PDB file of N, CA and C in Angstrom:
ATOM      1  N   MET A   1     188.804 143.753-119.977  1.00  0.00           N
ATOM      2  CA  MET A   1     187.387 143.774-119.634  1.00  0.00           C
ATOM      3  C   MET A   1     187.180 144.728-118.462  1.00  0.00           C
ATOM      4  N   LEU A   2     186.162 145.524-118.546  1.00  0.00           N
ATOM      5  CA  LEU A   2     185.846 146.464-117.476  1.00  0.00           C
ATOM      6  C   LEU A   2     185.127 145.748-116.348  1.00  0.00           C
ATOM      7  N   GLU A   3     185.341 146.226-115.172  1.00  0.00           N
ATOM      8  CA  GLU A   3     184.676 145.640-114.012  1.00  0.00           C
ATOM      9  C   GLU A   3     183.316 146.293-113.822  1.00  0.00           C
ATOM     10  N   PRO A   4     182.354 145.546-113.261  1.00  0.00           N
ATOM     11  CA  PRO A   4     181.063 146.157-112.955  1.00  0.00           C
ATOM     12  C   PRO A   4     181.250 147.356-112.041  1.00  0.00           C
ATOM     13  N   GLY A   5     180.421 148.374-112.278  1.00  0.00           N
ATOM     14  CA  GLY A   5     180.508 149.577-111.464  1.00  0.00           C
ATOM     15  C   GLY A   5     181.329 150.675-112.119  1.00  0.00           C
ATOM     16  N   ASN A   6     181.897 150.404-113.284  1.00  0.00           N
ATOM     17  CA  ASN A   6     182.725 151.396-113.972  1.00  0.00           C
ATOM     18  C   ASN A   6     182.044 151.902-115.241  1.00  0.00           C
ATOM     19  N   ASN A   7     180.745 152.101-115.197  1.00  0.00           N
ATOM     20  CA  ASN A   7     180.008 152.537-116.380  1.00  0.00           C
ATOM     21  C   ASN A   7     180.509 153.883-116.895  1.00  0.00           C
ATOM     22  N   ALA A   8     180.956 154.755-116.003  1.00  0.00           N
ATOM     23  CA  ALA A   8     181.437 156.074-116.417  1.00  0.00           C
ATOM     24  C   ALA A   8     182.732 155.960-117.210  1.00  0.00           C
ATOM     25  N   LYS A   9     183.458 154.849-117.059  1.00  0.00           N
ATOM     26  CA  LYS A   9     184.732 154.676-117.737  1.00  0.00           C
ATOM     27  C   LYS A   9     184.606 153.953-119.070  1.00  0.00           C
ATOM     28  N   LEU A  10     183.402 153.688-119.528  1.00  0.00           N
ATOM     29  CA  LEU A  10     183.223 153.037-120.816  1.00  0.00           C
ATOM     30  C   LEU A  10     183.703 153.976-121.919  1.00  0.00           C
ATOM     31  N   PRO A  11     184.351 153.430-122.935  1.00  0.00           N
ATOM     32  CA  PRO A  11     184.852 154.291-124.009  1.00  0.00           C
ATOM     33  C   PRO A  11     183.706 154.900-124.823  1.00  0.00           C
ATOM     34  N   PRO A  12     183.955 156.043-125.457  1.00  0.00           N
ATOM     35  CA  PRO A  12     182.911 156.632-126.305  1.00  0.00           C
ATOM     36  C   PRO A  12     182.626 155.740-127.508  1.00  0.00           C
ATOM     37  N   ILE A  13     181.429 155.848-128.021  1.00  0.00           N
ATOM     38  CA  ILE A  13     181.031 155.053-129.175  1.00  0.00           C
ATOM     39  C   ILE A  13     181.521 155.762-130.441  1.00  0.00           C
ATOM     40  N   PRO A  14     182.367 155.105-131.240  1.00  0.00           N
ATOM     41  CA  PRO A  14     182.858 155.737-132.472  1.00  0.00           C
ATOM     42  C   PRO A  14     181.712 156.023-133.439  1.00  0.00           C
ATOM     43  N   GLY A  15     181.944 156.939-134.349  1.00  0.00           N
ATOM     44  CA  GLY A  15     180.918 157.340-135.308  1.00  0.00           C
ATOM     45  C   GLY A  15     180.799 156.380-136.474  1.00  0.00           C
ATOM     46  N   LYS A  16     180.418 155.154-136.207  1.00  0.00           N
ATOM     47  CA  LYS A  16     180.211 154.147-137.242  1.00  0.00           C
ATOM     48  C   LYS A  16     178.748 153.743-137.259  1.00  0.00           C
ATOM     49  N   ARG A  17     178.309 153.167-138.369  1.00  0.00           N
ATOM     50  CA  ARG A  17     176.927 152.695-138.452  1.00  0.00           C
ATOM     51  C   ARG A  17     176.736 151.334-137.807  1.00  0.00           C
ATOM     52  N   TYR A  18     177.708 150.448-138.002  1.00  0.00           N
ATOM     53  CA  TYR A  18     177.578 149.081-137.512  1.00  0.00           C
ATOM     54  C   TYR A  18     178.831 148.646-136.775  1.00  0.00           C
ATOM     55  N   PHE A  19     178.639 147.794-135.765  1.00  0.00           N
ATOM     56  CA  PHE A  19     179.731 147.290-134.946  1.00  0.00           C
ATOM     57  C   PHE A  19     179.612 145.778-134.835  1.00  0.00           C
ATOM     58  N   THR A  20     180.750 145.097-134.833  1.00  0.00           N
ATOM     59  CA  THR A  20     180.748 143.648-134.638  1.00  0.00           C
ATOM     60  C   THR A  20     180.520 143.346-133.161  1.00  0.00           C
ATOM     61  N   ILE A  21     180.239 142.098-132.873  1.00  0.00           N
ATOM     62  CA  ILE A  21     180.004 141.704-131.483  1.00  0.00           C
ATOM     63  C   ILE A  21     181.264 141.900-130.647  1.00  0.00           C
ATOM     64  N   GLY A  22     182.439 141.715-131.247  1.00  0.00           N
ATOM     65  CA  GLY A  22     183.688 141.942-130.530  1.00  0.00           C
ATOM     66  C   GLY A  22     183.884 143.403-130.165  1.00  0.00           C
ATOM     67  N   GLU A  23     183.550 144.294-131.101  1.00  0.00           N
ATOM     68  CA  GLU A  23     183.657 145.728-130.824  1.00  0.00           C
ATOM     69  C   GLU A  23     182.678 146.150-129.731  1.00  0.00           C
ATOM     70  N   VAL A  24     181.455 145.633-129.804  1.00  0.00           N
ATOM     71  CA  VAL A  24     180.439 145.974-128.804  1.00  0.00           C
ATOM     72  C   VAL A  24     180.855 145.434-127.439  1.00  0.00           C
ATOM     73  N   SER A  25     181.453 144.266-127.438  1.00  0.00           N
ATOM     74  CA  SER A  25     181.945 143.685-126.190  1.00  0.00           C
ATOM     75  C   SER A  25     182.940 144.630-125.516  1.00  0.00           C
ATOM     76  N   THR A  26     183.855 145.180-126.296  1.00  0.00           N
ATOM     77  CA  THR A  26     184.842 146.116-125.767  1.00  0.00           C
ATOM     78  C   THR A  26     184.193 147.428-125.336  1.00  0.00           C
ATOM     79  N   LEU A  27     183.278 147.947-126.149  1.00  0.00           N
ATOM     80  CA  LEU A  27     182.635 149.226-125.853  1.00  0.00           C
ATOM     81  C   LEU A  27     181.720 149.167-124.624  1.00  0.00           C
ATOM     82  N   CYS A  28     181.172 147.984-124.340  1.00  0.00           N
ATOM     83  CA  CYS A  28     180.209 147.859-123.248  1.00  0.00           C
ATOM     84  C   CYS A  28     180.771 147.149-122.022  1.00  0.00           C
ATOM     85  N   GLY A  29     181.949 146.588-122.143  1.00  0.00           N
ATOM     86  CA  GLY A  29     182.554 145.925-120.993  1.00  0.00           C
ATOM     87  C   GLY A  29     181.895 144.622-120.598  1.00  0.00           C
ATOM     88  N   VAL A  30     181.345 143.902-121.565  1.00  0.00           N
ATOM     89  CA  VAL A  30     180.773 142.578-121.312  1.00  0.00           C
ATOM     90  C   VAL A  30     181.271 141.616-122.390  1.00  0.00           C
ATOM     91  N   LYS A  31     181.277 140.340-122.082  1.00  0.00           N
ATOM     92  CA  LYS A  31     181.779 139.339-123.019  1.00  0.00           C
ATOM     93  C   LYS A  31     180.747 139.050-124.116  1.00  0.00           C
ATOM     94  N   PRO A  32     181.219 138.586-125.286  1.00  0.00           N
ATOM     95  CA  PRO A  32     180.297 138.311-126.402  1.00  0.00           C
ATOM     96  C   PRO A  32     179.169 137.336-126.060  1.00  0.00           C
ATOM     97  N   HIS A  33     179.449 136.303-125.266  1.00  0.00           N
ATOM     98  CA  HIS A  33     178.376 135.355-124.941  1.00  0.00           C
ATOM     99  C   HIS A  33     177.287 136.029-124.104  1.00  0.00           C
ATOM    100  N   VAL A  34     177.663 137.024-123.310  1.00  0.00           N
ATOM    101  CA  VAL A  34     176.680 137.771-122.525  1.00  0.00           C
ATOM    102  C   VAL A  34     175.809 138.609-123.461  1.00  0.00           C
ATOM    103  N   LEU A  35     176.431 139.208-124.477  1.00  0.00           N
ATOM    104  CA  LEU A  35     175.670 139.996-125.456  1.00  0.00           C
ATOM    105  C   LEU A  35     174.659 139.119-126.201  1.00  0.00           C
ATOM    106  N   ARG A  36     175.081 137.914-126.575  1.00  0.00           N
ATOM    107  CA  ARG A  36     174.163 137.009-127.272  1.00  0.00           C
ATOM    108  C   ARG A  36     172.993 136.629-126.362  1.00  0.00           C
ATOM    109  N   TYR A  37     173.296 136.374-125.097  1.00  0.00           N
ATOM    110  CA  TYR A  37     172.243 136.032-124.140  1.00  0.00           C
ATOM    111  C   TYR A  37     171.286 137.202-123.948  1.00  0.00           C
ATOM    112  N   TRP A  38     171.836 138.387-123.733  1.00  0.00           N
ATOM    113  CA  TRP A  38     170.982 139.563-123.558  1.00  0.00           C
ATOM    114  C   TRP A  38     170.134 139.818-124.798  1.00  0.00           C
ATOM    115  N   GLY A  39     170.674 139.514-125.960  1.00  0.00           N
ATOM    116  CA  GLY A  39     169.908 139.671-127.205  1.00  0.00           C
ATOM    117  C   GLY A  39     168.668 138.796-127.226  1.00  0.00           C
ATOM    118  N   GLN A  40     168.727 137.649-126.540  1.00  0.00           N
ATOM    119  CA  GLN A  40     167.553 136.772-126.442  1.00  0.00           C
ATOM    120  C   GLN A  40     166.581 137.249-125.370  1.00  0.00           C
ATOM    121  N   GLU A  41     167.113 137.837-124.320  1.00  0.00           N
ATOM    122  CA  GLU A  41     166.292 138.224-123.161  1.00  0.00           C
ATOM    123  C   GLU A  41     165.650 139.606-123.282  1.00  0.00           C
ATOM    124  N   PHE A  42     166.266 140.490-124.060  1.00  0.00           N
ATOM    125  CA  PHE A  42     165.771 141.862-124.175  1.00  0.00           C
ATOM    126  C   PHE A  42     165.393 142.158-125.629  1.00  0.00           C
ATOM    127  N   PRO A  43     164.098 142.304-125.903  1.00  0.00           N
ATOM    128  CA  PRO A  43     163.669 142.564-127.288  1.00  0.00           C
ATOM    129  C   PRO A  43     164.131 143.927-127.820  1.00  0.00           C
ATOM    130  N   GLN A  44     164.607 144.802-126.945  1.00  0.00           N
ATOM    131  CA  GLN A  44     165.073 146.120-127.382  1.00  0.00           C
ATOM    132  C   GLN A  44     166.389 146.026-128.154  1.00  0.00           C
ATOM    133  N   ILE A  45     167.139 144.969-127.927  1.00  0.00           N
ATOM    134  CA  ILE A  45     168.410 144.780-128.643  1.00  0.00           C
ATOM    135  C   ILE A  45     168.092 144.073-129.949  1.00  0.00           C
ATOM    136  N   LYS A  46     168.330 144.773-131.049  1.00  0.00           N
ATOM    137  CA  LYS A  46     167.982 144.220-132.357  1.00  0.00           C
ATOM    138  C   LYS A  46     169.165 144.330-133.323  1.00  0.00           C
ATOM    139  N   PRO A  47     170.176 143.477-133.150  1.00  0.00           N
ATOM    140  CA  PRO A  47     171.283 143.550-134.101  1.00  0.00           C
ATOM    141  C   PRO A  47     170.831 143.092-135.483  1.00  0.00           C
ATOM    142  N   VAL A  48     171.442 143.676-136.497  1.00  0.00           N
ATOM    143  CA  VAL A  48     171.174 143.281-137.866  1.00  0.00           C
ATOM    144  C   VAL A  48     171.966 142.007-138.112  1.00  0.00           C
ATOM    145  N   LYS A  49     171.336 141.018-138.716  1.00  0.00           N
ATOM    146  CA  LYS A  49     172.054 139.770-139.016  1.00  0.00           C
ATOM    147  C   LYS A  49     172.356 139.730-140.506  1.00  0.00           C
ATOM    148  N   ARG A  50     173.614 139.507-140.804  1.00  0.00           N
ATOM    149  CA  ARG A  50     174.073 139.436-142.195  1.00  0.00           C
ATOM    150  C   ARG A  50     174.496 138.005-142.507  1.00  0.00           C
ATOM    151  N   ARG A  51     175.205 137.840-143.598  1.00  0.00           N
ATOM    152  CA  ARG A  51     175.616 136.502-144.033  1.00  0.00           C
ATOM    153  C   ARG A  51     176.334 135.757-142.915  1.00  0.00           C
ATOM    154  N   GLY A  52     176.098 134.465-142.891  1.00  0.00           N
ATOM    155  CA  GLY A  52     176.696 133.651-141.851  1.00  0.00           C
ATOM    156  C   GLY A  52     176.066 133.878-140.487  1.00  0.00           C
ATOM    157  N   ASN A  53     174.927 134.551-140.466  1.00  0.00           N
ATOM    158  CA  ASN A  53     174.202 134.843-139.223  1.00  0.00           C
ATOM    159  C   ASN A  53     175.028 135.704-138.261  1.00  0.00           C
ATOM    160  N   ARG A  54     175.931 136.519-138.806  1.00  0.00           N
ATOM    161  CA  ARG A  54     176.756 137.397-137.968  1.00  0.00           C
ATOM    162  C   ARG A  54     175.939 138.595-137.519  1.00  0.00           C
ATOM    163  N   ARG A  55     176.148 139.000-136.278  1.00  0.00           N
ATOM    164  CA  ARG A  55     175.406 140.129-135.706  1.00  0.00           C
ATOM    165  C   ARG A  55     176.186 141.425-135.914  1.00  0.00           C
ATOM    166  N   TYR A  56     175.464 142.447-136.339  1.00  0.00           N
ATOM    167  CA  TYR A  56     176.034 143.793-136.446  1.00  0.00           C
ATOM    168  C   TYR A  56     175.136 144.732-135.654  1.00  0.00           C
ATOM    169  N   TYR A  57     175.736 145.404-134.696  1.00  0.00           N
ATOM    170  CA  TYR A  57     174.991 146.270-133.789  1.00  0.00           C
ATOM    171  C   TYR A  57     175.079 147.718-134.233  1.00  0.00           C
ATOM    172  N   ARG A  58     174.007 148.468-134.007  1.00  0.00           N
ATOM    173  CA  ARG A  58     173.964 149.902-134.301  1.00  0.00           C
ATOM    174  C   ARG A  58     174.255 150.678-133.017  1.00  0.00           C
ATOM    175  N   PRO A  59     174.596 151.962-133.142  1.00  0.00           N
ATOM    176  CA  PRO A  59     174.874 152.758-131.930  1.00  0.00           C
ATOM    177  C   PRO A  59     173.734 152.748-130.914  1.00  0.00           C
ATOM    178  N   GLN A  60     172.476 152.749-131.378  1.00  0.00           N
ATOM    179  CA  GLN A  60     171.356 152.721-130.423  1.00  0.00           C
ATOM    180  C   GLN A  60     171.305 151.392-129.669  1.00  0.00           C
ATOM    181  N   ASP A  61     171.743 150.298-130.317  1.00  0.00           N
ATOM    182  CA  ASP A  61     171.829 149.018-129.613  1.00  0.00           C
ATOM    183  C   ASP A  61     172.871 149.099-128.493  1.00  0.00           C
ATOM    184  N   ILE A  62     173.979 149.757-128.781  1.00  0.00           N
ATOM    185  CA  ILE A  62     175.047 149.881-127.791  1.00  0.00           C
ATOM    186  C   ILE A  62     174.564 150.680-126.582  1.00  0.00           C
ATOM    187  N   LEU A  63     173.804 151.734-126.820  1.00  0.00           N
ATOM    188  CA  LEU A  63     173.266 152.524-125.706  1.00  0.00           C
ATOM    189  C   LEU A  63     172.334 151.682-124.832  1.00  0.00           C
ATOM    190  N   ILE A  64     171.509 150.865-125.468  1.00  0.00           N
ATOM    191  CA  ILE A  64     170.595 150.009-124.708  1.00  0.00           C
ATOM    192  C   ILE A  64     171.388 148.966-123.923  1.00  0.00           C
ATOM    193  N   ILE A  65     172.418 148.394-124.554  1.00  0.00           N
ATOM    194  CA  ILE A  65     173.252 147.405-123.864  1.00  0.00           C
ATOM    195  C   ILE A  65     173.930 148.036-122.655  1.00  0.00           C
ATOM    196  N   ARG A  66     174.426 149.252-122.815  1.00  0.00           N
ATOM    197  CA  ARG A  66     175.047 149.937-121.682  1.00  0.00           C
ATOM    198  C   ARG A  66     174.039 150.206-120.574  1.00  0.00           C
ATOM    199  N   GLN A  67     172.830 150.515-120.960  1.00  0.00           N
ATOM    200  CA  GLN A  67     171.784 150.746-119.962  1.00  0.00           C
ATOM    201  C   GLN A  67     171.456 149.442-119.229  1.00  0.00           C
ATOM    202  N   ILE A  68     171.358 148.351-119.965  1.00  0.00           N
ATOM    203  CA  ILE A  68     171.108 147.044-119.349  1.00  0.00           C
ATOM    204  C   ILE A  68     172.248 146.692-118.405  1.00  0.00           C
ATOM    205  N   ARG A  69     173.472 146.923-118.845  1.00  0.00           N
ATOM    206  CA  ARG A  69     174.651 146.649-118.022  1.00  0.00           C
ATOM    207  C   ARG A  69     174.568 147.426-116.704  1.00  0.00           C
ATOM    208  N   SER A  70     174.193 148.683-116.797  1.00  0.00           N
ATOM    209  CA  SER A  70     174.068 149.519-115.608  1.00  0.00           C
ATOM    210  C   SER A  70     172.987 148.978-114.667  1.00  0.00           C
ATOM    211  N   LEU A  71     171.843 148.608-115.234  1.00  0.00           N
ATOM    212  CA  LEU A  71     170.752 148.085-114.413  1.00  0.00           C
ATOM    213  C   LEU A  71     171.156 146.795-113.705  1.00  0.00           C
ATOM    214  N   LEU A  72     171.827 145.904-114.418  1.00  0.00           N
ATOM    215  CA  LEU A  72     172.183 144.607-113.842  1.00  0.00           C
ATOM    216  C   LEU A  72     173.368 144.684-112.897  1.00  0.00           C
ATOM    217  N   TYR A  73     174.437 145.342-113.337  1.00  0.00           N
ATOM    218  CA  TYR A  73     175.689 145.315-112.581  1.00  0.00           C
ATOM    219  C   TYR A  73     175.790 146.393-111.503  1.00  0.00           C
ATOM    220  N   GLU A  74     175.207 147.551-111.750  1.00  0.00           N
ATOM    221  CA  GLU A  74     175.356 148.656-110.807  1.00  0.00           C
ATOM    222  C   GLU A  74     174.146 148.831-109.901  1.00  0.00           C
ATOM    223  N   GLU A  75     172.958 148.650-110.464  1.00  0.00           N
ATOM    224  CA  GLU A  75     171.753 148.865-109.664  1.00  0.00           C
ATOM    225  C   GLU A  75     171.194 147.577-109.072  1.00  0.00           C
ATOM    226  N   GLY A  76     171.755 146.434-109.462  1.00  0.00           N
ATOM    227  CA  GLY A  76     171.382 145.169-108.852  1.00  0.00           C
ATOM    228  C   GLY A  76     170.068 144.562-109.312  1.00  0.00           C
ATOM    229  N   PHE A  77     169.586 144.953-110.479  1.00  0.00           N
ATOM    230  CA  PHE A  77     168.347 144.382-110.997  1.00  0.00           C
ATOM    231  C   PHE A  77     168.585 142.952-111.463  1.00  0.00           C
ATOM    232  N   THR A  78     167.525 142.151-111.456  1.00  0.00           N
ATOM    233  CA  THR A  78     167.564 140.836-112.094  1.00  0.00           C
ATOM    234  C   THR A  78     167.272 141.042-113.579  1.00  0.00           C
ATOM    235  N   ILE A  79     167.433 139.985-114.363  1.00  0.00           N
ATOM    236  CA  ILE A  79     167.103 140.081-115.792  1.00  0.00           C
ATOM    237  C   ILE A  79     165.640 140.497-115.965  1.00  0.00           C
ATOM    238  N   GLY A  80     164.741 139.834-115.235  1.00  0.00           N
ATOM    239  CA  GLY A  80     163.317 140.168-115.329  1.00  0.00           C
ATOM    240  C   GLY A  80     163.022 141.589-114.891  1.00  0.00           C
ATOM    241  N   GLY A  81     163.661 142.017-113.814  1.00  0.00           N
ATOM    242  CA  GLY A  81     163.457 143.376-113.326  1.00  0.00           C
ATOM    243  C   GLY A  81     163.976 144.414-114.306  1.00  0.00           C
ATOM    244  N   ALA A  82     165.133 144.144-114.906  1.00  0.00           N
ATOM    245  CA  ALA A  82     165.690 145.071-115.895  1.00  0.00           C
ATOM    246  C   ALA A  82     164.796 145.130-117.137  1.00  0.00           C
ATOM    247  N   ARG A  83     164.296 143.972-117.554  1.00  0.00           N
ATOM    248  CA  ARG A  83     163.401 143.938-118.716  1.00  0.00           C
ATOM    249  C   ARG A  83     162.150 144.761-118.446  1.00  0.00           C
ATOM    250  N   GLN A  84     161.604 144.598-117.238  1.00  0.00           N
ATOM    251  CA  GLN A  84     160.402 145.352-116.854  1.00  0.00           C
ATOM    252  C   GLN A  84     160.702 146.850-116.794  1.00  0.00           C
ATOM    253  N   ARG A  85     161.851 147.192-116.277  1.00  0.00           N
ATOM    254  CA  ARG A  85     162.246 148.602-116.166  1.00  0.00           C
ATOM    255  C   ARG A  85     162.363 149.247-117.550  1.00  0.00           C
ATOM    256  N   LEU A  86     162.902 148.492-118.511  1.00  0.00           N
ATOM    257  CA  LEU A  86     163.091 149.025-119.858  1.00  0.00           C
ATOM    258  C   LEU A  86     161.789 149.140-120.644  1.00  0.00           C
ATOM    259  N   THR A  87     160.787 148.342-120.286  1.00  0.00           N
ATOM    260  CA  THR A  87     159.529 148.387-121.031  1.00  0.00           C
ATOM    261  C   THR A  87     158.453 149.206-120.332  1.00  0.00           C
ATOM    262  N   GLY A  88     158.662 149.550-119.061  1.00  0.00           N
ATOM    263  CA  GLY A  88     157.655 150.287-118.294  1.00  0.00           C
ATOM    264  C   GLY A  88     157.688 151.775-118.565  1.00  0.00           C
ATOM    265  N   ASP A  89     156.832 152.495-117.867  1.00  0.00           N
ATOM    266  CA  ASP A  89     156.752 153.950-118.001  1.00  0.00           C
ATOM    267  C   ASP A  89     158.046 154.620-117.559  1.00  0.00           C
ATOM    268  N   GLU A  90     158.757 153.983-116.629  1.00  0.00           N
ATOM    269  CA  GLU A  90     160.004 154.565-116.136  1.00  0.00           C
ATOM    270  C   GLU A  90     161.057 154.643-117.231  1.00  0.00           C
ATOM    271  N   ALA A  91     160.936 153.786-118.236  1.00  0.00           N
ATOM    272  CA  ALA A  91     161.927 153.769-119.319  1.00  0.00           C
ATOM    273  C   ALA A  91     161.943 155.101-120.068  1.00  0.00           C
ATOM    274  N   ARG A  92     160.802 155.730-120.167  1.00  0.00           N
ATOM    275  CA  ARG A  92     160.737 157.004-120.891  1.00  0.00           C
ATOM    276  C   ARG A  92     161.488 158.114-120.169  1.00  0.00           C
ATOM    277  N   ASN A  93     161.572 157.990-118.865  1.00  0.00           N
ATOM    278  CA  ASN A  93     162.214 159.023-118.056  1.00  0.00           C
ATOM    279  C   ASN A  93     163.585 158.610-117.544  1.00  0.00           C
ATOM    280  N   ASP A  94     164.137 157.547-118.102  1.00  0.00           N
ATOM    281  CA  ASP A  94     165.392 157.010-117.580  1.00  0.00           C
ATOM    282  C   ASP A  94     166.538 157.986-117.831  1.00  0.00           C
ATOM    283  N   VAL A  95     167.156 158.392-116.758  1.00  0.00           N
ATOM    284  CA  VAL A  95     168.222 159.382-116.821  1.00  0.00           C
ATOM    285  C   VAL A  95     169.527 158.780-117.319  1.00  0.00           C
ATOM    286  N   SER A  96     169.787 157.519-117.018  1.00  0.00           N
ATOM    287  CA  SER A  96     171.073 156.931-117.396  1.00  0.00           C
ATOM    288  C   SER A  96     171.255 156.900-118.906  1.00  0.00           C
ATOM    289  N   GLN A  97     170.206 156.589-119.653  1.00  0.00           N
ATOM    290  CA  GLN A  97     170.329 156.576-121.103  1.00  0.00           C
ATOM    291  C   GLN A  97     170.540 157.996-121.620  1.00  0.00           C
ATOM    292  N   SER A  98     169.858 158.957-121.041  1.00  0.00           N
ATOM    293  CA  SER A  98     170.033 160.349-121.448  1.00  0.00           C
ATOM    294  C   SER A  98     171.461 160.810-121.208  1.00  0.00           C
ATOM    295  N   LYS A  99     172.020 160.436-120.063  1.00  0.00           N
ATOM    296  CA  LYS A  99     173.405 160.808-119.771  1.00  0.00           C
ATOM    297  C   LYS A  99     174.364 160.187-120.771  1.00  0.00           C
ATOM    298  N   GLN A 100     174.123 158.944-121.146  1.00  0.00           N
ATOM    299  CA  GLN A 100     174.980 158.285-122.126  1.00  0.00           C
ATOM    300  C   GLN A 100     174.904 158.986-123.469  1.00  0.00           C
ATOM    301  N   ILE A 101     173.709 159.366-123.877  1.00  0.00           N
ATOM    302  CA  ILE A 101     173.537 160.053-125.157  1.00  0.00           C
ATOM    303  C   ILE A 101     174.251 161.400-125.118  1.00  0.00           C
ATOM    304  N   ILE A 102     174.096 162.130-124.026  1.00  0.00           N
ATOM    305  CA  ILE A 102     174.752 163.429-123.893  1.00  0.00           C
ATOM    306  C   ILE A 102     176.266 163.267-123.938  1.00  0.00           C
ATOM    307  N   ARG A 103     176.782 162.275-123.218  1.00  0.00           N
ATOM    308  CA  ARG A 103     178.226 162.011-123.215  1.00  0.00           C
ATOM    309  C   ARG A 103     178.726 161.686-124.619  1.00  0.00           C
ATOM    310  N   GLN A 104     177.933 160.885-125.342  1.00  0.00           N
ATOM    311  CA  GLN A 104     178.312 160.498-126.702  1.00  0.00           C
ATOM    312  C   GLN A 104     178.309 161.704-127.640  1.00  0.00           C
ATOM    313  N   VAL A 105     177.276 162.522-127.567  1.00  0.00           N
ATOM    314  CA  VAL A 105     177.188 163.706-128.431  1.00  0.00           C
ATOM    315  C   VAL A 105     178.335 164.666-128.126  1.00  0.00           C
ATOM    316  N   ARG A 106     178.639 164.813-126.852  1.00  0.00           N
ATOM    317  CA  ARG A 106     179.740 165.696-126.471  1.00  0.00           C
ATOM    318  C   ARG A 106     181.062 165.211-127.058  1.00  0.00           C
ATOM    319  N   THR A 107     181.305 163.910-126.969  1.00  0.00           N
ATOM    320  CA  THR A 107     182.533 163.339-127.519  1.00  0.00           C
ATOM    321  C   THR A 107     182.607 163.568-129.031  1.00  0.00           C
ATOM    322  N   GLU A 108     181.490 163.360-129.713  1.00  0.00           N
ATOM    323  CA  GLU A 108     181.467 163.566-131.159  1.00  0.00           C
ATOM    324  C   GLU A 108     181.698 165.029-131.510  1.00  0.00           C
ATOM    325  N   LEU A 109     181.116 165.941-130.736  1.00  0.00           N
ATOM    326  CA  LEU A 109     181.323 167.371-130.990  1.00  0.00           C
ATOM    327  C   LEU A 109     182.774 167.774-130.736  1.00  0.00           C
ATOM    328  N   GLU A 110     183.390 167.190-129.717  1.00  0.00           N
ATOM    329  CA  GLU A 110     184.808 167.470-129.459  1.00  0.00           C
ATOM    330  C   GLU A 110     185.677 166.982-130.608  1.00  0.00           C
ATOM    331  N   ASP A 111     185.321 165.826-131.180  1.00  0.00           N
ATOM    332  CA  ASP A 111     186.045 165.312-132.340  1.00  0.00           C
ATOM    333  C   ASP A 111     185.919 166.249-133.541  1.00  0.00           C
ATOM    334  N   VAL A 112     184.711 166.766-133.753  1.00  0.00           N
ATOM    335  CA  VAL A 112     184.482 167.700-134.857  1.00  0.00           C
ATOM    336  C   VAL A 112     185.294 168.982-134.628  1.00  0.00           C
ATOM    337  N   LEU A 113     185.329 169.455-133.401  1.00  0.00           N
ATOM    338  CA  LEU A 113     186.088 170.648-133.061  1.00  0.00           C
ATOM    339  C   LEU A 113     187.580 170.462-133.337  1.00  0.00           C
ATOM    340  N   LYS A 114     188.104 169.296-133.010  1.00  0.00           N
ATOM    341  CA  LYS A 114     189.516 168.997-133.302  1.00  0.00           C
ATOM    342  C   LYS A 114     189.796 169.051-134.795  1.00  0.00           C
ATOM    343  N   ILE A 115     188.864 168.514-135.581  1.00  0.00           N
ATOM    344  CA  ILE A 115     189.026 168.523-137.038  1.00  0.00           C
ATOM    345  C   ILE A 115     188.990 169.944-137.563  1.00  0.00           C
ATOM    346  N   LEU A 116     188.080 170.759-137.047  1.00  0.00           N
ATOM    347  CA  LEU A 116     187.945 172.140-137.508  1.00  0.00           C
ATOM    348  C   LEU A 116     189.151 173.000-137.140  1.00  0.00           C
ATOM    349  N   ARG A 117     189.841 172.658-136.068  1.00  0.00           N
ATOM    350  CA  ARG A 117     191.007 173.450-135.623  1.00  0.00           C
ATOM    351  C   ARG A 117     192.253 173.161-136.434  1.00  0.00           C
ATOM    352  N   ARG A 118     192.236 172.125-137.251  1.00  0.00           N
ATOM    353  CA  ARG A 118     193.419 171.762-138.053  1.00  0.00           C
ATOM    354  C   ARG A 118     193.697 172.786-139.125  1.00  0.00           C
TER     355      ARG A 118
END
C-alpha cells in the first residue's frame, strides 16, 4: 500500500477498459473499503456493476479516485471540501487531473514506441 503524499509514485493505468476493485486499490494506493466508501460520497465515481453486484471501474474513474486521494491525503481537504472542489468551477481548471492524464498518455505512448521498435 502506498503512503499518503506519494501520488507521483502511483503506477500507470494499464490500457484496459475495466478494472476490479482490487486492481483499482493497487493503482490508487487506497484499500477497497475506502473505494466503496468514496463511491457513496462522490457521485463522480460511477463503477459499472455486473453480476453479483461486483464493481468494475473505468480508467476515468481511476483518474477521479486519484484526484480525490490527492485532495484528501495531500492537500488536507475534508470529504465535504473535496466533494465541493470536484463539483465547483475550480474542478474545470484542476491541474492535478490534467497532470495525471498527461502522465498516463505519455506512458501509453512510450509503450506503443516500445512495440514499434521491435
